């Protein structure tokens, strides 16, 4: 009986943690890929998130892959 009560108490405790902490909400997310004439691939990713305190964070990522020259 004690084991069941302890298990239920731990289950309730751990399941409520995400609700108390909160998290970032993604408000906008976009990806684009562009291939240029010389074979170069440009990948762009933009992500806008709203933090629990109300501030907004914008993250931009850009990867450029150049083709290998023989």
N, C-alpha and C. Protein backbone atom coordinates (compact mmCIF):
# COMPACT_ATOMS: atom_id res chain seq x y z
N UNK A 1 0.82 -1.20 0.00
CA UNK A 1 0.00 0.00 0.00
C UNK A 1 0.86 1.26 0.00
N UNK A 2 1.94 1.21 0.82
CA UNK A 2 2.83 2.37 0.87
C UNK A 2 3.52 2.56 -0.48
N UNK A 3 3.84 1.45 -1.12
CA UNK A 3 4.51 1.53 -2.42
C UNK A 3 3.60 2.18 -3.46
N UNK A 4 2.34 1.84 -3.46
CA UNK A 4 1.38 2.43 -4.40
C UNK A 4 1.22 3.92 -4.14
N UNK A 5 1.12 4.30 -2.88
CA UNK A 5 0.96 5.71 -2.54
C UNK A 5 2.20 6.51 -2.95
N UNK A 6 3.38 5.94 -2.71
CA UNK A 6 4.62 6.61 -3.09
C UNK A 6 4.72 6.75 -4.61
N UNK A 7 4.36 5.71 -5.32
CA UNK A 7 4.41 5.74 -6.79
C UNK A 7 3.46 6.80 -7.34
N UNK A 8 2.26 6.87 -6.80
CA UNK A 8 1.29 7.87 -7.26
C UNK A 8 1.76 9.28 -6.95
N UNK A 9 2.36 9.47 -5.78
CA UNK A 9 2.85 10.80 -5.40
C UNK A 9 3.97 11.25 -6.34
N UNK A 10 4.88 10.33 -6.66
CA UNK A 10 5.97 10.67 -7.59
C UNK A 10 5.44 10.94 -8.99
N UNK A 11 4.48 10.16 -9.42
CA UNK A 11 3.90 10.34 -10.75
C UNK A 11 3.24 11.72 -10.88
N UNK A 12 2.47 12.09 -9.89
CA UNK A 12 1.80 13.40 -9.90
C UNK A 12 2.84 14.52 -9.84
N UNK A 13 3.87 14.34 -9.03
CA UNK A 13 4.91 15.36 -8.89
C UNK A 13 5.65 15.60 -10.19
N UNK A 14 6.06 14.53 -10.86
CA UNK A 14 6.81 14.68 -12.10
C UNK A 14 5.94 15.11 -13.27
N UNK A 15 4.69 14.77 -13.28
CA UNK A 15 3.84 15.15 -14.41
C UNK A 15 3.45 16.62 -14.36
N UNK A 16 3.50 17.24 -13.19
CA UNK A 16 3.11 18.65 -13.10
C UNK A 16 4.28 19.59 -13.34
N UNK A 17 5.51 19.10 -13.39
CA UNK A 17 6.67 19.97 -13.58
C UNK A 17 6.61 20.72 -14.91
N UNK A 18 6.32 20.09 -16.04
CA UNK A 18 6.27 20.87 -17.29
C UNK A 18 5.21 21.98 -17.27
N UNK A 19 4.14 21.79 -16.58
CA UNK A 19 3.10 22.82 -16.52
C UNK A 19 3.57 24.02 -15.72
N UNK A 20 4.38 23.80 -14.70
CA UNK A 20 4.87 24.89 -13.87
C UNK A 20 6.00 25.65 -14.54
N UNK A 21 6.87 24.94 -15.23
CA UNK A 21 8.03 25.56 -15.83
C UNK A 21 7.66 26.34 -17.09
N UNK A 22 6.79 25.80 -17.89
CA UNK A 22 6.43 26.44 -19.15
C UNK A 22 7.51 26.22 -20.17
N UNK A 23 7.39 26.84 -21.29
CA UNK A 23 8.39 26.67 -22.33
C UNK A 23 8.24 27.75 -23.37
N UNK A 24 9.11 27.71 -24.32
CA UNK A 24 9.07 28.68 -25.41
C UNK A 24 8.04 28.24 -26.44
N UNK A 25 7.26 29.17 -26.90
CA UNK A 25 6.28 28.91 -27.95
C UNK A 25 6.84 29.42 -29.27
N UNK A 26 6.90 28.55 -30.26
CA UNK A 26 7.37 28.95 -31.58
C UNK A 26 6.24 29.69 -32.29
N UNK A 27 6.50 30.95 -32.63
CA UNK A 27 5.47 31.75 -33.29
C UNK A 27 5.64 31.75 -34.81
N UNK A 28 6.89 31.55 -35.28
CA UNK A 28 7.13 31.53 -36.72
C UNK A 28 8.34 30.65 -37.00
N UNK A 29 8.26 29.85 -38.06
CA UNK A 29 9.36 28.97 -38.44
C UNK A 29 9.36 28.83 -39.95
N UNK A 30 10.50 29.10 -40.59
CA UNK A 30 10.56 28.97 -42.03
C UNK A 30 11.92 28.40 -42.45
N UNK A 31 11.88 27.61 -43.53
CA UNK A 31 13.09 27.03 -44.10
C UNK A 31 13.07 27.28 -45.60
N UNK A 32 14.25 27.54 -46.16
CA UNK A 32 14.34 27.69 -47.61
C UNK A 32 15.67 27.13 -48.09
N UNK A 33 15.65 26.58 -49.29
CA UNK A 33 16.85 26.03 -49.91
C UNK A 33 16.96 26.61 -51.31
N UNK A 34 18.16 27.08 -51.65
CA UNK A 34 18.39 27.69 -52.96
C UNK A 34 19.65 27.07 -53.57
N UNK A 35 19.55 26.65 -54.82
CA UNK A 35 20.69 26.11 -55.55
C UNK A 35 21.07 27.10 -56.63
N UNK A 36 22.32 27.54 -56.59
CA UNK A 36 22.79 28.54 -57.56
C UNK A 36 23.34 27.86 -58.80
N UNK A 37 23.65 28.65 -59.83
CA UNK A 37 24.14 28.13 -61.12
C UNK A 37 25.44 27.35 -60.99
N UNK A 38 26.31 27.75 -60.06
CA UNK A 38 27.60 27.08 -59.91
C UNK A 38 27.51 25.83 -59.03
N UNK A 39 26.31 25.45 -58.60
CA UNK A 39 26.12 24.25 -57.80
C UNK A 39 26.13 24.49 -56.31
N UNK A 40 26.32 25.72 -55.88
CA UNK A 40 26.32 26.06 -54.46
C UNK A 40 24.91 25.97 -53.90
N UNK A 41 24.77 25.31 -52.75
CA UNK A 41 23.48 25.18 -52.09
C UNK A 41 23.46 26.07 -50.85
N UNK A 42 22.43 26.91 -50.75
CA UNK A 42 22.28 27.81 -49.61
C UNK A 42 21.00 27.41 -48.88
N UNK A 43 21.14 27.06 -47.60
CA UNK A 43 19.99 26.69 -46.77
C UNK A 43 19.83 27.75 -45.69
N UNK A 44 18.62 28.29 -45.59
CA UNK A 44 18.32 29.32 -44.59
C UNK A 44 17.18 28.83 -43.71
N UNK A 45 17.30 29.09 -42.41
CA UNK A 45 16.25 28.72 -41.46
C UNK A 45 16.06 29.88 -40.48
N UNK A 46 14.82 30.30 -40.31
CA UNK A 46 14.48 31.38 -39.40
C UNK A 46 13.44 30.88 -38.41
N UNK A 47 13.65 31.17 -37.14
CA UNK A 47 12.72 30.72 -36.09
C UNK A 47 12.51 31.85 -35.10
N UNK A 48 11.25 32.16 -34.83
CA UNK A 48 10.90 33.18 -33.86
C UNK A 48 10.14 32.52 -32.72
N UNK A 49 10.61 32.74 -31.49
CA UNK A 49 9.97 32.13 -30.33
C UNK A 49 9.62 33.20 -29.30
N UNK A 50 8.56 32.92 -28.56
CA UNK A 50 8.15 33.80 -27.46
C UNK A 50 8.46 33.08 -26.16
N UNK A 51 9.26 33.72 -25.32
CA UNK A 51 9.68 33.14 -24.05
C UNK A 51 8.59 33.32 -22.99
N UNK A 52 8.64 32.53 -21.92
CA UNK A 52 7.61 32.64 -20.87
C UNK A 52 7.52 34.04 -20.24
N UNK A 53 8.62 34.80 -20.24
CA UNK A 53 8.58 36.14 -19.65
C UNK A 53 8.04 37.20 -20.61
N UNK A 54 7.68 36.79 -21.83
CA UNK A 54 7.08 37.71 -22.80
C UNK A 54 8.06 38.24 -23.84
N UNK A 55 9.35 38.02 -23.65
CA UNK A 55 10.32 38.49 -24.63
C UNK A 55 10.30 37.60 -25.87
N UNK A 56 10.76 38.16 -26.99
CA UNK A 56 10.75 37.45 -28.27
C UNK A 56 12.19 37.24 -28.72
N UNK A 57 12.50 36.01 -29.15
CA UNK A 57 13.83 35.67 -29.62
C UNK A 57 13.75 35.23 -31.07
N UNK A 58 14.61 35.82 -31.92
CA UNK A 58 14.64 35.45 -33.34
C UNK A 58 16.00 34.80 -33.63
N UNK A 59 15.95 33.60 -34.20
CA UNK A 59 17.17 32.86 -34.52
C UNK A 59 17.23 32.64 -36.02
N UNK A 60 18.37 32.98 -36.61
CA UNK A 60 18.57 32.77 -38.04
C UNK A 60 19.78 31.88 -38.24
N UNK A 61 19.65 30.89 -39.13
CA UNK A 61 20.74 29.96 -39.41
C UNK A 61 20.90 29.88 -40.92
N UNK A 62 22.16 29.95 -41.38
CA UNK A 62 22.44 29.91 -42.81
C UNK A 62 23.62 28.97 -43.04
N UNK A 63 23.42 27.96 -43.89
CA UNK A 63 24.46 27.02 -44.26
C UNK A 63 24.71 27.13 -45.76
N UNK A 64 25.98 27.21 -46.15
CA UNK A 64 26.35 27.28 -47.55
C UNK A 64 27.25 26.09 -47.86
N UNK A 65 26.84 25.27 -48.83
CA UNK A 65 27.61 24.10 -49.25
C UNK A 65 28.14 24.36 -50.65
N UNK A 66 29.47 24.43 -50.75
CA UNK A 66 30.11 24.63 -52.05
C UNK A 66 30.42 23.25 -52.65
N UNK A 67 30.21 23.09 -53.95
CA UNK A 67 30.53 21.81 -54.57
C UNK A 67 32.06 21.62 -54.63
N UNK A 68 32.48 20.36 -54.54
CA UNK A 68 33.91 20.10 -54.61
C UNK A 68 34.40 20.30 -56.04
N UNK A 69 35.55 20.89 -56.18
CA UNK A 69 36.13 21.18 -57.50
C UNK A 69 37.07 20.03 -57.88
N UNK A 70 36.83 19.38 -59.03
CA UNK A 70 37.71 18.26 -59.43
C UNK A 70 39.06 18.70 -59.87
